[in-house]
Amino acid sequence: MAQEFGTVIIGAGIGGGTAVETLRDRGYAGSIALIGADPAAPYYRPDLSKKVMLEESDPAESALRGEDWYPAHDVTTFFGSAVTELDAKNQTLALDSGESLTYGQVILATGSTPRTLDVPGAKLGNIHTLRDAGDAVAIRSQFSKGNKVVIIGGGWVGLEVAAAAQNAGCEITVVLRSTPPLRSALGAEIGRYFEELHRSNGIEFVTEAETTGFSGSKAVESVQTSAGVLPADLVVVGIGADPTIELATSAGLDIDNGVLVDEHMRSSDPNIFAIGDIAAAQNTLLKQRLRVEHWDNAVRQAEVAASTITGGDKEYDWQPYFYTDQFDLGMEYVGHGTSDDDVVIRGDKSSGEFIVFWTRGGAVTAAMNVNIWDVGDELRALIGKSVSAARLQDESIELTEL
């Protein structure tokens, strides 16, 4: 007989965990089930490429709550379980264990799935993607002085892993299909800055190269690229991720680069919500639909979905935000710029402390503070405002006066 729940959250990442907490904080008295394929309780995934790899911390230290929090708050957990079917018509779902659940509402927080390479040798040992704590621990276990690490891809995950591996004394090569890294996110000029940061710390780049295969007996020993063969003791594939929307698709929800949801996180089925990486959500501040793959977005959208379920009026009305730490660089980014926007630099890049503005038609679309702290609120307030490049660059003008 199916277990009955008021709200079922599918996906026990930071978004799913926050949804559970927010429902209870808002006085939701209905029964809650939290389902996650990861055997661990929800944890803070950004720590995987930061604290776990750099400081060798235990992933359990990054948990949102201890496992005993969930039963203490009347939350039934199904960790290490996958949903095999979501029947929107009958409001039921099936688990891989054979169990069935019914629901009043569902929050889909299934996240994204790292892309892999379909090339010869891709199943060899010591070839990893980074998505969960098990991946992070497996990758870190191969960090040792002199080990040859090849990173495929130059996105945020790839560069953060490269920095962590270099800190452990590894020899790192990053393979890029195009150059510079992060170009699609930050544009060419700032992408080159990150590339030079890594080069100055001893990391090699092989650019304009395709990865064509891997060789080895049981574990990888070399990487074949269109630019030559690279020796490798460890390979990390960081070529992006795709929203995990199979359940949403099979349930008949409207899909377009993710699950289409309104500003309250409600999908085309009024009983199903979607948050985080999979949500193509209507942003009322920017007046456009966005799908953002960053933890801050997942947390805040979880709060919106919980608000909607409990009769609140929160909506998706904020600027995207993320951060990274690489070597001696720490930065925060706010807004929604594109690689085609104009770039304005405030300060001297060579000093390692500066602010970047992206502008379009004279209006600020995004801003990034590099090793300059406690300016987040000021930068956020500038997004959408028309400010001349000369004023943005002029350090004699306080940010609050721009």
Protein backbone atom coordinates (compact mmCIF):
# COMPACT_ATOMS: atom_id res chain seq x y z
CA MET A 1 0.00 0.00 0.00
CA ALA A 2 1.33 3.44 -0.95
CA GLN A 3 2.60 5.74 1.79
CA GLU A 4 0.78 9.07 1.78
CA PHE A 5 2.54 12.44 2.07
CA GLY A 6 1.45 16.05 1.88
CA THR A 7 4.65 17.16 0.15
CA VAL A 8 7.37 15.05 -1.46
CA ILE A 9 10.73 16.59 -2.36
CA ILE A 10 12.61 14.66 -5.05
CA GLY A 11 16.29 15.53 -4.81
CA ALA A 12 18.18 15.80 -1.53
CA GLY A 13 20.73 18.40 -2.48
CA ILE A 14 21.00 21.88 -1.04
CA GLY A 15 17.74 22.90 -2.73
CA GLY A 16 15.76 19.93 -1.48
CA GLY A 17 17.18 20.25 2.01
CA THR A 18 16.37 23.95 2.14
CA ALA A 19 12.82 23.29 0.94
CA VAL A 20 12.25 20.87 3.83
CA GLU A 21 13.61 23.30 6.42
CA THR A 22 11.64 26.24 5.04
CA LEU A 23 8.38 24.29 5.00
CA ARG A 24 8.80 23.45 8.68
CA ASP A 25 10.01 26.96 9.54
CA ARG A 26 6.86 28.35 7.93
CA GLY A 27 4.67 26.12 10.05
CA TYR A 28 3.78 23.53 7.44
CA ALA A 29 2.10 20.74 9.38
CA GLY A 30 1.66 18.21 6.59
CA SER A 31 3.74 15.07 6.20
CA ILE A 32 6.98 15.45 4.23
CA ALA A 33 9.13 12.95 2.36
CA LEU A 34 12.65 13.76 1.16
CA ILE A 35 14.08 11.47 -1.52
CA GLY A 36 17.66 11.50 -2.76
CA ALA A 37 19.83 9.15 -4.78
CA ASP A 38 22.84 10.23 -2.71
CA PRO A 39 23.07 8.09 0.44
CA ALA A 40 24.00 11.15 2.51
CA ALA A 41 21.69 13.76 4.00
CA PRO A 42 21.70 17.12 2.16
CA TYR A 43 25.05 18.87 2.19
CA TYR A 44 26.66 22.00 0.82
CA ARG A 45 27.97 20.91 -2.60
CA PRO A 46 30.19 23.96 -3.30
CA ASP A 47 32.47 22.61 -0.56
CA LEU A 48 33.32 19.59 -2.72
CA SER A 49 35.72 21.49 -4.98
CA LYS A 50 36.79 23.82 -2.20
CA LYS A 51 37.03 22.58 1.41
CA VAL A 52 36.90 18.84 0.68
CA MET A 53 39.72 18.99 -1.86
CA LEU A 54 41.76 21.86 -0.49
CA GLU A 55 41.47 21.12 3.21
CA GLU A 56 40.69 17.39 3.05
CA SER A 57 37.62 17.99 5.17
CA ASP A 58 35.06 15.25 5.69
CA PRO A 59 32.03 15.88 3.43
CA ALA A 60 29.85 15.19 6.48
CA GLU A 61 31.11 18.48 7.93
CA SER A 62 29.27 20.25 5.09
CA ALA A 63 25.87 18.78 5.94
CA LEU A 64 22.99 21.24 6.13
CA ARG A 65 21.65 19.36 9.15
CA GLY A 66 22.57 16.21 11.02
CA GLU A 67 20.64 13.13 9.94
CA ASP A 68 18.76 13.12 13.26
CA TRP A 69 17.21 16.52 12.40
CA TYR A 70 14.87 14.97 9.84
CA PRO A 71 13.01 12.45 12.02
CA ALA A 72 12.95 15.04 14.80
CA HIS A 73 10.99 17.30 12.43
CA ASP A 74 8.71 14.56 11.16
CA VAL A 75 10.43 14.25 7.79
CA THR A 76 10.57 10.76 6.29
CA THR A 77 13.80 10.31 4.34
CA PHE A 78 14.62 7.99 1.50
CA PHE A 79 18.35 8.57 1.07
CA GLY A 80 20.10 6.35 -1.45
CA SER A 81 16.81 5.93 -3.34
CA ALA A 82 15.80 6.94 -6.84
CA VAL A 83 12.35 7.76 -8.18
CA THR A 84 11.61 5.58 -11.19
CA GLU A 85 8.19 6.97 -12.07
CA LEU A 86 6.24 10.16 -11.43
CA ASP A 87 2.55 9.77 -12.26
CA ALA A 88 1.18 13.33 -12.27
CA LYS A 89 -2.39 12.25 -13.10
CA ASN A 90 -2.72 9.97 -10.07
CA GLN A 91 -0.26 11.93 -7.90
CA THR A 92 1.85 8.89 -7.16
CA LEU A 93 5.49 8.01 -7.55
CA ALA A 94 7.50 4.81 -7.46
CA LEU A 95 10.94 4.22 -5.94
CA ASP A 96 13.62 1.83 -7.17
CA SER A 97 13.03 -0.13 -3.95
CA GLY A 98 9.54 -0.98 -5.18
CA GLU A 99 7.82 1.33 -2.70
CA SER A 100 5.01 3.65 -3.82
CA LEU A 101 4.16 7.10 -2.46
CA THR A 102 1.25 9.46 -2.98
CA TYR A 103 1.57 13.22 -2.71
CA GLY A 104 -0.35 16.44 -2.49
CA GLN A 105 2.54 18.47 -3.94
CA VAL A 106 5.93 17.55 -5.35
CA ILE A 107 9.02 19.74 -5.43
CA LEU A 108 11.44 18.57 -8.12
CA ALA A 109 15.01 19.40 -7.09
CA THR A 110 16.83 16.81 -9.19
CA GLY A 111 19.75 19.04 -10.10
CA SER A 112 21.99 18.40 -13.08
CA THR A 113 24.01 15.51 -14.46
CA PRO A 114 27.66 16.03 -15.47
CA ARG A 115 28.37 15.43 -19.14
CA THR A 116 30.75 12.63 -20.00
CA LEU A 117 32.89 11.85 -23.03
CA ASP A 118 31.81 9.09 -25.40
CA VAL A 119 35.31 8.14 -26.54
CA PRO A 120 37.42 4.96 -26.40
CA GLY A 121 38.65 4.16 -22.89
CA ALA A 122 36.11 6.37 -21.10
CA LYS A 123 35.28 3.53 -18.65
CA LEU A 124 38.85 3.18 -17.35
CA GLY A 125 39.53 3.74 -13.68
CA ASN A 126 40.53 7.15 -12.32
CA ILE A 127 38.40 9.03 -14.85
CA HIS A 128 35.89 11.11 -12.89
CA THR A 129 33.25 13.78 -13.03
CA LEU A 130 32.48 15.83 -9.93
CA ARG A 131 28.90 15.84 -8.70
CA ASP A 132 28.68 14.32 -5.23
CA ALA A 133 30.73 13.66 -2.12
CA GLY A 134 31.80 10.24 -3.37
CA ASP A 135 33.25 11.83 -6.49
CA ALA A 136 35.11 14.45 -4.46
CA VAL A 137 36.66 11.89 -2.12
CA ALA A 138 37.64 9.63 -5.04
CA ILE A 139 39.32 12.51 -6.87
CA ARG A 140 41.09 13.79 -3.76
CA SER A 141 42.44 10.31 -3.02
CA GLN A 142 44.52 10.55 -6.20
CA PHE A 143 46.15 13.84 -5.22
CA SER A 144 49.80 13.28 -4.42
CA LYS A 145 53.03 15.04 -5.25
CA GLY A 146 54.04 14.45 -8.84
CA ASN A 147 50.82 12.76 -9.93
CA LYS A 148 49.81 13.82 -13.41
CA VAL A 149 46.28 15.21 -13.48
CA VAL A 150 44.48 16.07 -16.70
CA ILE A 151 41.41 18.29 -16.51
CA ILE A 152 39.11 18.16 -19.52
CA GLY A 153 37.27 21.49 -19.75
CA GLY A 154 37.86 24.95 -18.34
CA GLY A 155 34.67 25.77 -16.48
CA TRP A 156 34.33 26.60 -12.80
CA VAL A 157 34.53 22.98 -11.64
CA GLY A 158 37.56 22.21 -13.80
CA LEU A 159 39.52 25.25 -12.68
CA GLU A 160 38.69 24.79 -9.00
CA VAL A 161 39.80 21.14 -9.15
CA ALA A 162 42.97 22.21 -10.98
CA ALA A 163 43.79 24.71 -8.22
CA ALA A 164 43.18 22.12 -5.51
CA ALA A 165 45.31 19.50 -7.28
CA GLN A 166 48.15 21.97 -7.75
CA ASN A 167 47.98 22.80 -4.04
CA ALA A 168 48.58 19.10 -3.35
CA GLY A 169 51.69 19.05 -5.54
CA CYS A 170 50.20 17.44 -8.65
CA GLU A 171 51.23 18.27 -12.19
CA ILE A 172 48.16 19.58 -13.99
CA THR A 173 47.24 20.01 -17.62
CA VAL A 174 43.92 21.56 -18.64
CA VAL A 175 42.59 20.58 -22.07
CA LEU A 176 40.37 23.18 -23.74
CA ARG A 177 38.35 22.94 -26.94
CA SER A 178 38.53 26.72 -27.18
CA THR A 179 40.33 29.45 -25.32
CA PRO A 180 40.28 31.19 -22.92
CA PRO A 181 38.55 29.26 -20.13
CA LEU A 182 35.30 30.74 -18.75
CA ARG A 183 34.82 32.74 -21.94
CA SER A 184 31.13 31.88 -22.20
CA ALA A 185 30.54 33.11 -18.64
CA LEU A 186 32.90 36.08 -18.33
CA GLY A 187 34.02 37.02 -21.83
CA ALA A 188 37.47 36.86 -23.38
CA GLU A 189 39.30 39.46 -21.30
CA ILE A 190 38.41 38.09 -17.88
CA GLY A 191 38.71 34.52 -19.15
CA ARG A 192 42.32 35.29 -20.10
CA TYR A 193 42.90 36.70 -16.62
CA PHE A 194 41.87 33.37 -15.07
CA GLU A 195 44.01 31.46 -17.56
CA GLU A 196 47.05 33.57 -16.68
CA LEU A 197 46.33 33.09 -12.98
CA HIS A 198 46.54 29.33 -13.47
CA ARG A 199 49.56 29.48 -15.76
CA SER A 200 51.40 31.61 -13.21
CA ASN A 201 50.77 28.86 -10.67
CA GLY A 202 52.34 26.19 -12.86
CA ILE A 203 49.32 24.78 -14.64
CA GLU A 204 49.68 23.91 -18.31
CA PHE A 205 46.99 24.45 -20.92
CA VAL A 206 46.45 22.56 -24.15
CA THR A 207 44.11 24.72 -26.20
CA GLU A 208 41.99 24.29 -29.31
CA ALA A 209 42.15 20.54 -28.69
CA GLU A 210 39.58 17.73 -28.81
CA THR A 211 39.82 14.78 -26.44
CA THR A 212 39.67 11.67 -28.62
CA GLY A 213 40.28 8.82 -26.18
CA PHE A 214 41.93 7.36 -23.09
CA SER A 215 44.45 4.53 -22.77
CA GLY A 216 45.50 2.25 -19.95
CA SER A 217 45.19 -1.31 -18.68
CA LYS A 218 42.68 -0.94 -15.83
CA ALA A 219 43.18 2.71 -14.88
CA VAL A 220 43.87 5.61 -17.19
CA GLU A 221 47.50 6.12 -18.17
CA SER A 222 47.20 8.64 -20.99
CA VAL A 223 44.79 10.99 -22.71
CA GLN A 224 44.65 11.20 -26.48
CA THR A 225 43.90 14.64 -27.87
CA SER A 226 43.99 16.19 -31.31
CA ALA A 227 47.08 18.08 -30.08
CA GLY A 228 48.95 15.01 -28.86
CA VAL A 229 49.09 12.42 -26.07
CA LEU A 230 49.17 13.45 -22.40
CA PRO A 231 50.30 11.13 -19.58
CA ALA A 232 47.71 10.91 -16.82
CA ASP A 233 47.29 9.28 -13.41
CA LEU A 234 43.92 11.01 -12.92
CA VAL A 235 41.42 12.61 -15.29
CA VAL A 236 38.60 14.92 -14.25
CA VAL A 237 36.00 15.64 -16.92
CA GLY A 238 34.44 19.06 -16.39
CA ILE A 239 32.64 19.82 -19.64
CA GLY A 240 29.39 21.07 -18.17
CA ALA A 241 26.17 19.45 -17.04
CA ASP A 242 22.61 18.97 -18.24
CA PRO A 243 19.45 19.46 -16.17
CA THR A 244 18.15 16.14 -14.87
CA ILE A 245 14.62 16.40 -16.25
CA GLU A 246 13.72 12.84 -17.17
CA LEU A 247 11.06 12.60 -14.44
CA ALA A 248 9.60 15.96 -15.38
CA THR A 249 9.46 14.98 -19.03
CA SER A 250 7.82 11.64 -18.35
CA ALA A 251 5.28 13.38 -16.12
CA GLY A 252 4.25 15.56 -19.06
CA LEU A 253 5.47 18.89 -17.70
CA ASP A 254 6.25 21.74 -20.08
CA ILE A 255 9.98 21.69 -20.90
CA ASP A 256 12.23 24.24 -22.61
CA ASN A 257 15.86 24.21 -21.49
CA GLY A 258 14.62 22.92 -18.15
CA VAL A 259 11.25 22.67 -16.44
CA LEU A 260 9.17 25.74 -17.21
CA VAL A 261 7.96 27.32 -13.96
CA ASP A 262 6.41 30.65 -13.06
CA GLU A 263 7.78 33.20 -10.61
CA HIS A 264 6.43 31.08 -7.73
CA MET A 265 8.22 27.91 -8.95
CA ARG A 266 4.98 26.24 -10.06
CA SER A 267 5.17 24.11 -13.21
CA SER A 268 2.50 23.47 -15.84
CA ASP A 269 1.04 20.99 -13.33
CA PRO A 270 -0.23 23.05 -10.36
CA ASN A 271 0.80 20.31 -7.92
CA ILE A 272 4.40 20.10 -9.11
CA PHE A 273 7.13 22.65 -8.45
CA ALA A 274 10.70 22.74 -9.78
CA ILE A 275 13.73 24.49 -8.27
CA GLY A 276 17.47 24.80 -8.77
CA ASP A 277 19.41 23.61 -11.80
CA ILE A 278 16.35 22.21 -13.57
CA ALA A 279 14.07 25.24 -13.19
CA ALA A 280 13.64 27.55 -16.19
CA ALA A 281 11.94 30.16 -14.05
CA GLN A 282 10.33 33.51 -14.75
CA ASN A 283 12.41 36.22 -13.08
CA THR A 284 10.19 39.20 -12.29
CA LEU A 285 13.10 41.56 -11.65
CA LEU A 286 14.89 40.90 -14.95
CA LYS A 287 11.61 40.21 -16.77
CA GLN A 288 12.99 37.12 -18.46
CA ARG A 289 13.15 33.38 -17.99
CA LEU A 290 16.39 32.08 -16.46
CA ARG A 291 17.89 28.71 -15.66
CA VAL A 292 20.81 29.16 -13.28
CA GLU A 293 23.13 26.39 -12.05
CA HIS A 294 24.41 27.88 -8.80
CA TRP A 295 23.77 26.98 -5.17
CA ASP A 296 22.43 30.41 -4.16
CA ASN A 297 19.70 30.12 -6.75
CA ALA A 298 18.69 26.65 -5.55
CA VAL A 299 18.46 27.82 -1.94
CA ARG A 300 16.37 30.87 -2.70
CA GLN A 301 14.08 29.08 -5.14
CA ALA A 302 13.50 26.42 -2.48
CA GLU A 303 12.33 29.18 -0.15
CA VAL A 304 9.99 30.49 -2.86
CA ALA A 305 8.46 27.05 -3.49
CA ALA A 306 7.95 26.49 0.24
CA SER A 307 6.37 29.93 0.53
CA THR A 308 3.96 29.15 -2.30
CA ILE A 309 2.92 25.84 -0.77
CA THR A 310 2.25 27.51 2.58
CA GLY A 311 0.26 30.39 1.12
CA GLY A 312 3.03 32.99 0.94
CA ASP A 313 3.80 35.42 -1.87
CA LYS A 314 7.57 35.13 -2.39
CA GLU A 315 8.67 35.24 -6.01
CA TYR A 316 11.77 34.87 -8.16
CA ASP A 317 12.95 38.49 -8.10
CA TRP A 318 16.70 38.56 -7.47
CA GLN A 319 19.98 38.82 -9.34
CA PRO A 320 21.96 35.56 -9.74
CA TYR A 321 25.02 35.23 -7.49
CA PHE A 322 28.02 32.90 -7.24
CA TYR A 323 31.59 32.87 -6.00
CA THR A 324 34.85 31.01 -6.43
CA ASP A 325 38.19 30.62 -4.67
CA GLN A 326 41.24 29.70 -6.76
CA PHE A 327 44.81 30.04 -5.47
CA ASP A 328 44.99 33.51 -3.88
CA LEU A 329 41.96 34.75 -5.81
CA GLY A 330 38.58 35.02 -4.20
CA MET A 331 35.71 36.56 -6.09
CA GLU A 332 31.97 37.13 -6.01
CA TYR A 333 29.75 37.70 -9.04
CA VAL A 334 26.28 39.19 -9.11
CA GLY A 335 23.96 39.83 -12.04
CA HIS A 336 23.35 38.23 -15.40
CA GLY A 337 25.88 39.41 -17.95
CA THR A 338 26.83 37.78 -21.24
CA SER A 339 30.16 37.21 -22.95
CA ASP A 340 29.19 39.85 -25.53
CA ASP A 341 28.70 42.63 -22.96
CA ASP A 342 31.20 45.47 -22.68
CA VAL A 343 33.74 45.03 -19.89
CA VAL A 344 34.77 47.87 -17.58
CA ILE A 345 37.61 47.39 -15.07
CA ARG A 346 37.74 49.41 -11.85
CA GLY A 347 41.24 49.18 -10.43
CA ASP A 348 44.39 47.47 -11.65
CA LYS A 349 44.06 43.80 -12.64
CA SER A 350 47.78 43.27 -12.08
CA SER A 351 47.33 44.14 -8.40
CA GLY A 352 44.97 41.21 -7.91
CA GLU A 353 42.36 43.51 -6.36
CA PHE A 354 39.80 45.01 -8.73
CA ILE A 355 36.14 45.12 -9.73
CA VAL A 356 34.71 44.16 -13.10
CA PHE A 357 31.49 45.56 -14.52
CA TRP A 358 29.67 44.17 -17.52
CA THR A 359 27.46 46.66 -19.35
CA ARG A 360 25.02 46.58 -22.25
CA GLY A 361 23.68 49.73 -23.83
CA GLY A 362 25.24 51.72 -21.00
CA ALA A 363 23.42 49.76 -18.26
CA VAL A 364 25.24 47.52 -15.78
CA THR A 365 24.28 43.86 -16.27
CA ALA A 366 26.72 42.21 -13.83
CA ALA A 367 29.60 42.93 -11.49
CA MET A 368 32.42 40.92 -9.96
CA ASN A 369 34.61 41.86 -7.00
CA VAL A 370 38.04 40.22 -6.96
CA ASN A 371 39.80 40.15 -3.57
CA ILE A 372 37.80 43.23 -2.55
CA TRP A 373 35.28 42.43 0.16
CA ASP A 374 32.12 43.81 1.73
CA VAL A 375 30.97 45.52 -1.46
CA GLY A 376 28.31 43.01 -2.48
CA ASP A 377 25.34 45.17 -1.56
CA GLU A 378 26.77 48.19 -3.38
CA LEU A 379 27.42 46.16 -6.54
CA ARG A 380 24.01 44.53 -6.44
CA ALA A 381 22.40 47.99 -6.22
CA LEU A 382 24.13 49.04 -9.45
CA ILE A 383 22.72 46.20 -11.58
CA GLY A 384 20.31 47.62 -14.14
CA LYS A 385 21.45 51.22 -13.66
CA SER A 386 22.89 53.31 -16.48
CA VAL A 387 26.36 54.45 -15.43
CA SER A 388 29.08 55.69 -17.79
CA ALA A 389 32.24 53.61 -18.13
CA ALA A 390 34.29 56.60 -16.97
CA ARG A 391 32.39 56.81 -13.68
CA LEU A 392 32.55 53.05 -13.12
CA GLN A 393 36.32 53.17 -13.56
CA ASP A 394 36.86 56.24 -11.36
CA GLU A 395 37.98 54.94 -7.96
CA SER A 396 37.68 58.42 -6.46
CA ILE A 397 33.89 58.01 -6.71
CA GLU A 398 32.48 55.80 -3.99
CA LEU A 399 30.46 52.82 -5.20
CA THR A 400 27.48 54.16 -3.28
CA GLU A 401 27.68 57.40 -5.29
CA LEU A 402 27.68 55.80 -8.72
